[in-house]
Amino acid sequence: MPLPSNVLEKLLRDCFQDGVIEIQDLAGDNDHYQVTVLSDDFIGKTRVQQHQMVYQALNGKMGGDLHAMALKTGVLPPETSKGNTL
């Protein structure tokens, strides 16, 4: 069962409240996404740890409800205030 982008965004927003989250449905099928998450929660974390944090936020939906996700993570740029703008 595909995962609608609004549900995916809610799962990520619940975990990365200060973050900038961008979701692109690559195939228009709610099952293949490109996701970018920028958050100060990633400060001091390796890229692998950042990705693990995102997968934890998905509560086991990756590989089940969500088939594929190209993931980019990073720390918020200094000039970006906490919010939703890239």
Foldseek 3Di string as FASTA:
>chain_A
DAAAPVNLVVLQCVQAVQWAKDWDDPPPPNAEIEIEIAHQVCVPPDPVVQVVSSVVSVVPCDVPNHDYYRYHYYYDDPVDGRDHDD
